[in-house]
Protein backbone atom coordinates (compact mmCIF):
# COMPACT_ATOMS: atom_id res chain seq x y z
CA MET A 1 74.02 76.34 100.67
CA THR A 2 75.14 77.11 104.09
CA ILE A 3 78.47 79.23 104.51
CA ALA A 4 79.43 76.06 106.55
CA SER A 5 79.81 74.12 103.18
CA LEU A 6 81.73 77.29 101.68
CA LEU A 7 84.39 77.24 104.36
CA GLU A 8 84.50 73.53 104.96
CA PRO A 9 87.49 73.26 102.15
CA VAL A 10 89.56 75.50 104.20
CA THR A 11 91.51 73.66 107.05
CA GLY A 12 93.94 75.87 108.05
CA GLN A 13 96.77 74.10 105.90
CA PRO A 14 98.38 76.42 103.14
CA GLY A 15 97.98 75.16 99.84
CA PRO A 16 95.18 74.99 97.28
CA ALA A 17 91.96 74.84 98.01
CA ARG A 18 88.81 74.51 95.78
CA LEU A 19 85.59 76.34 97.24
CA THR A 20 83.02 74.19 95.59
CA HIS A 21 79.92 75.85 96.86
CA ALA A 22 81.00 79.32 95.69
CA ALA A 23 78.65 79.87 93.28
CA ASP A 24 76.06 81.17 95.93
CA TRP A 25 77.93 83.65 97.15
CA LEU A 26 79.07 85.29 93.92
CA GLN A 27 79.12 88.70 93.12
CA GLY A 28 79.62 89.36 89.45
CA ARG A 29 82.72 87.35 88.82
CA THR A 30 84.21 87.35 92.51
CA LEU A 31 83.13 85.88 95.95
CA TYR A 32 80.79 88.59 97.71
CA GLY A 33 83.61 91.01 99.75
CA GLY A 34 82.31 89.75 103.45
CA ALA A 35 82.91 86.06 102.29
CA SER A 36 85.85 86.37 100.50
CA ALA A 37 87.28 88.30 103.66
CA LEU A 38 85.47 85.43 106.12
CA VAL A 39 87.53 82.61 104.40
CA ALA A 40 90.80 84.65 104.98
CA TYR A 41 89.79 85.06 108.23
CA THR A 42 88.88 81.36 109.26
CA MET A 43 92.00 80.69 107.22
CA ALA A 44 93.93 82.30 110.06
CA VAL A 45 92.13 81.22 113.24
CA ARG A 46 92.26 77.29 111.80
CA ALA A 47 95.89 77.65 111.29
CA PHE A 48 96.73 79.35 114.51
CA PRO A 49 93.64 78.23 117.11
CA GLY A 50 93.41 79.59 120.50
CA LEU A 51 93.74 82.95 119.39
CA PRO A 52 92.46 85.79 121.49
CA PRO A 53 89.26 87.48 120.09
CA LEU A 54 89.51 89.64 116.98
CA ARG A 55 89.77 93.36 117.46
CA ALA A 56 90.28 94.51 113.78
CA GLY A 57 91.19 93.54 110.42
CA GLN A 58 92.40 95.06 107.15
CA VAL A 59 91.95 93.74 103.92
CA ALA A 60 92.19 94.58 100.39
CA PHE A 61 90.26 93.41 97.65
CA VAL A 62 92.61 92.96 95.12
CA ALA A 63 91.67 90.75 92.19
CA PRO A 64 88.51 88.31 91.58
CA VAL A 65 88.36 85.36 94.02
CA GLY A 66 86.85 82.48 92.36
CA GLU A 67 86.66 78.88 92.95
CA ASP A 68 90.15 77.68 92.74
CA ILE A 69 92.64 79.28 95.09
CA GLU A 70 95.50 78.90 97.37
CA LEU A 71 95.62 80.08 100.90
CA SER A 72 98.48 81.01 103.73
CA ALA A 73 98.76 82.81 106.95
CA HIS A 74 101.60 83.62 108.93
CA ILE A 75 102.05 85.46 112.37
CA VAL A 76 103.55 88.74 111.72
CA ARG A 77 103.99 89.32 115.84
CA GLN A 78 102.85 87.79 118.69
CA GLY A 79 102.96 89.64 122.44
CA ARG A 80 101.21 88.80 125.62
CA ASN A 81 98.25 90.49 124.68
CA VAL A 82 98.38 91.21 121.18
CA THR A 83 98.69 88.85 118.29
CA GLN A 84 98.90 90.46 114.55
CA LEU A 85 98.83 87.78 111.43
CA ARG A 86 98.42 87.89 107.62
CA SER A 87 96.45 85.69 105.75
CA GLU A 88 96.05 86.15 102.06
CA ILE A 89 94.00 84.27 99.11
CA ILE A 90 95.90 83.20 95.68
CA SER A 91 94.06 83.21 92.44
CA GLU A 92 95.91 82.30 89.43
CA GLY A 93 99.19 82.77 90.72
CA LYS A 94 98.70 86.14 91.88
CA VAL A 95 97.53 87.69 95.18
CA ALA A 96 93.28 88.34 95.04
CA LEU A 97 92.73 89.26 98.58
CA SER A 98 95.18 90.39 101.34
CA ALA A 99 94.16 90.42 104.92
CA PHE A 100 95.84 91.72 108.48
CA TRP A 101 94.53 90.91 111.41
CA LEU A 102 94.61 92.09 115.15
CA PHE A 103 93.45 89.74 117.97
CA GLY A 104 93.84 91.08 121.26
CA GLU A 105 92.69 89.94 125.03
CA GLY A 106 90.77 92.05 126.86
CA ARG A 107 91.80 93.84 129.99
CA GLU A 108 90.20 96.32 132.80
CA ALA A 109 89.12 99.03 130.89
CA ASN A 110 91.09 102.61 131.57
CA ALA A 111 89.20 104.43 129.05
CA LEU A 112 85.00 104.21 128.54
CA VAL A 113 83.59 106.11 125.98
CA PRO A 114 80.00 104.13 124.82
CA SER A 115 79.57 104.59 121.06
CA ALA A 116 76.54 106.46 120.20
CA PRO A 117 73.25 105.28 119.05
CA PRO A 118 72.40 105.60 115.45
CA GLU A 119 70.78 109.09 114.17
CA ASP A 120 67.46 108.60 113.19
CA TRP A 121 67.09 105.29 114.58
CA PRO A 122 64.54 103.32 112.83
CA GLY A 123 63.05 101.29 115.61
CA PRO A 124 63.31 97.71 115.85
CA PRO A 125 63.76 95.07 112.47
CA GLU A 126 60.31 93.66 113.62
CA ASP A 127 58.65 97.28 113.35
CA ASN A 128 59.96 97.43 109.52
CA LYS A 129 58.63 96.30 106.56
CA SER A 130 60.87 93.72 103.94
CA VAL A 131 62.82 94.95 101.24
CA THR A 132 62.64 93.49 97.93
CA HIS A 133 65.71 92.08 96.30
CA SER A 134 64.44 92.84 92.59
CA PHE A 135 67.86 95.14 92.18
CA ALA A 136 70.25 93.57 94.58
CA PRO A 137 72.97 90.79 93.83
CA SER A 138 71.53 86.96 93.58
CA PHE A 139 73.66 86.05 96.48
CA VAL A 140 71.84 88.62 99.00
CA ALA A 141 68.34 87.16 97.91
CA LYS A 142 69.81 83.27 98.38
CA ASN A 143 71.74 84.54 101.73
CA PHE A 144 70.15 87.29 103.36
CA GLU A 145 66.70 88.85 104.58
CA LEU A 146 66.66 92.87 104.62
CA ARG A 147 64.50 94.83 105.83
CA HIS A 148 63.92 99.00 105.66
CA GLY A 149 66.09 100.92 108.06
CA GLN A 150 65.18 104.25 106.77
CA THR A 151 62.21 106.40 106.81
CA ARG A 152 60.48 106.25 103.72
CA GLY A 153 60.42 110.11 102.25
CA SER A 154 63.38 111.39 104.42
CA ASP A 155 66.36 112.89 102.91
CA ARG A 156 68.98 109.61 103.13
CA GLY A 157 72.10 111.86 101.68
CA ALA A 158 74.83 109.34 100.46
CA THR A 159 73.59 106.58 103.09
CA VAL A 160 72.21 103.36 102.53
CA ARG A 161 70.88 101.75 105.84
CA ARG A 162 69.14 98.25 106.16
CA TRP A 163 68.41 96.15 108.41
CA ALA A 164 69.87 92.53 107.67
CA ARG A 165 70.16 89.05 108.70
CA LEU A 166 71.24 85.37 107.44
CA THR A 167 68.42 83.60 106.17
CA GLU A 168 69.74 80.37 108.06
CA ASP A 169 71.22 80.11 111.08
CA HIS A 170 74.62 78.96 109.91
CA ALA A 171 75.98 78.70 113.40
CA LEU A 172 78.88 80.97 113.00
CA ASP A 173 80.64 82.61 115.91
CA PRO A 174 79.53 86.08 116.33
CA VAL A 175 83.02 87.56 115.08
CA SER A 176 82.52 85.43 112.10
CA LYS A 177 78.93 86.74 111.25
CA LEU A 178 80.33 90.43 111.27
CA VAL A 179 82.90 89.72 109.16
CA LEU A 180 80.23 88.14 106.46
CA MET A 181 77.90 90.45 107.27
CA GLY A 182 79.82 93.62 107.58
CA ASP A 183 80.24 94.40 104.12
CA VAL A 184 76.45 93.62 102.67
CA MET A 185 75.53 96.94 102.02
CA PRO A 186 76.18 98.84 98.39
CA PRO A 187 78.23 102.37 99.12
CA GLY A 188 76.24 104.88 100.17
CA ALA A 189 77.28 107.05 96.99
CA MET A 190 75.14 104.54 94.98
CA ARG A 191 72.74 107.33 95.91
CA ALA A 192 74.75 110.24 94.55
CA MET A 193 75.72 108.72 91.57
CA GLN A 194 74.27 110.53 88.46
CA HIS A 195 73.69 107.48 86.20
CA GLN A 196 73.71 103.59 87.12
CA GLY A 197 77.50 102.02 86.80
CA PRO A 198 79.31 99.41 87.89
CA ILE A 199 80.91 99.73 91.64
CA SER A 200 83.64 97.67 93.41
CA SER A 201 85.09 98.13 96.76
CA ILE A 202 88.72 98.22 96.69
CA ASN A 203 89.51 97.38 100.98
CA TRP A 204 87.69 97.41 104.06
CA SER A 205 89.77 98.43 107.25
CA PHE A 206 86.97 97.70 111.06
CA ASN A 207 87.16 97.64 114.03
CA VAL A 208 85.35 95.14 115.95
CA LEU A 209 83.32 96.77 119.29
CA ASP A 210 81.99 93.83 120.44
CA PRO A 211 83.51 90.24 119.58
CA GLU A 212 80.81 88.25 121.35
CA SER A 213 77.92 90.04 119.92
CA ARG A 214 74.84 88.08 119.55
CA SER A 215 71.94 90.38 118.57
CA ARG A 216 68.56 89.39 118.87
CA ASP A 217 66.99 86.98 116.16
CA GLY A 218 70.09 87.64 114.23
CA TRP A 219 69.15 91.25 112.89
CA TYR A 220 72.08 93.76 112.46
CA LEU A 221 71.43 97.16 111.16
CA ALA A 222 74.24 97.93 108.38
CA GLU A 223 74.85 101.32 107.21
CA ASN A 224 77.29 102.46 104.22
CA ALA A 225 77.91 106.36 104.27
CA SER A 226 79.87 108.17 101.72
CA GLN A 227 81.87 110.55 103.28
CA HIS A 228 83.30 111.81 100.17
CA ALA A 229 83.15 111.12 96.30
CA GLY A 230 85.17 112.44 93.76
CA ALA A 231 87.18 111.15 90.44
CA GLY A 232 85.97 107.89 90.43
CA TYR A 233 86.33 106.83 93.79
CA SER A 234 83.91 107.18 97.09
CA SER A 235 85.25 107.10 100.97
CA GLU A 236 82.81 105.22 103.16
CA ARG A 237 82.34 104.57 106.43
CA LEU A 238 80.73 101.01 107.25
CA ARG A 239 79.11 100.53 110.67
CA MET A 240 76.73 98.13 112.00
CA TRP A 241 74.45 97.74 115.45
CA ASP A 242 72.56 95.35 116.89
CA ALA A 243 68.87 94.72 117.55
CA ASP A 244 69.14 96.86 120.59
CA GLY A 245 70.97 100.02 118.98
CA LYS A 246 74.48 98.92 120.07
CA GLN A 247 77.28 99.53 118.00
CA VAL A 248 79.17 96.49 117.31
CA LEU A 249 81.16 97.21 114.30
CA ASP A 250 82.89 100.56 112.95
CA GLY A 251 84.85 100.85 109.69
CA LEU A 252 85.97 102.51 106.21
CA GLN A 253 86.29 101.72 102.76
CA CYS A 254 87.37 102.72 99.82
CA VAL A 255 84.80 102.20 96.46
CA ALA A 256 85.88 102.34 92.99
CA VAL A 257 82.59 104.43 91.14
CA PHE A 258 82.94 103.47 87.60
CA GLY A 259 80.78 105.72 84.95
């Protein structure tokens, strides 16, 4: 089912909405984090059309997001170049997701610091083998094609990196595609777990480095790397590069790692 079908009930008007096609995007009992963040982002841009490009987002995954929800969006502050906006998803009368969005007009650059290419570049997606979905959540198998992004047999530490693209061309705008795909990898802490157990994203903060990104054939190299794990939580750095090695997204996430 296309992501357009999931987003169709999101009209930009506050109030109840029923996500009738949520089943194909469920991760356990909740909507996959990238999909729920995209619902909140879509609510924001449909409620206030004509916004500048998205530059950053802060998303709190508070509770499960199901089919029956309520949506809201309001502008916190609107300046000459920057608009800051909050949108929320309410489920069963309580906040299930709260997002803060920063939209900003481009301006003449006073500082230029190109982002570094990824270390241990795996080569373009077409040079890497497909990844089976045997251990992945069902929404991944239904909606994404994955290819290896790390050298087999190498010391991958607490890092998970894969080439990923949507299995269908959903005609999403570039930023919506980055929001949807930015959280698709499992946490890097998964590689450091002493035994298998549940994991759950708690928040996600990211900067959009290229709001006009249109990577070749829809492929993006997505990476989750644990910077520190302990006491049941992992601090993760999330990054995405296009098919030519240009970084397009940079983020941080807190993940609960259960025993």
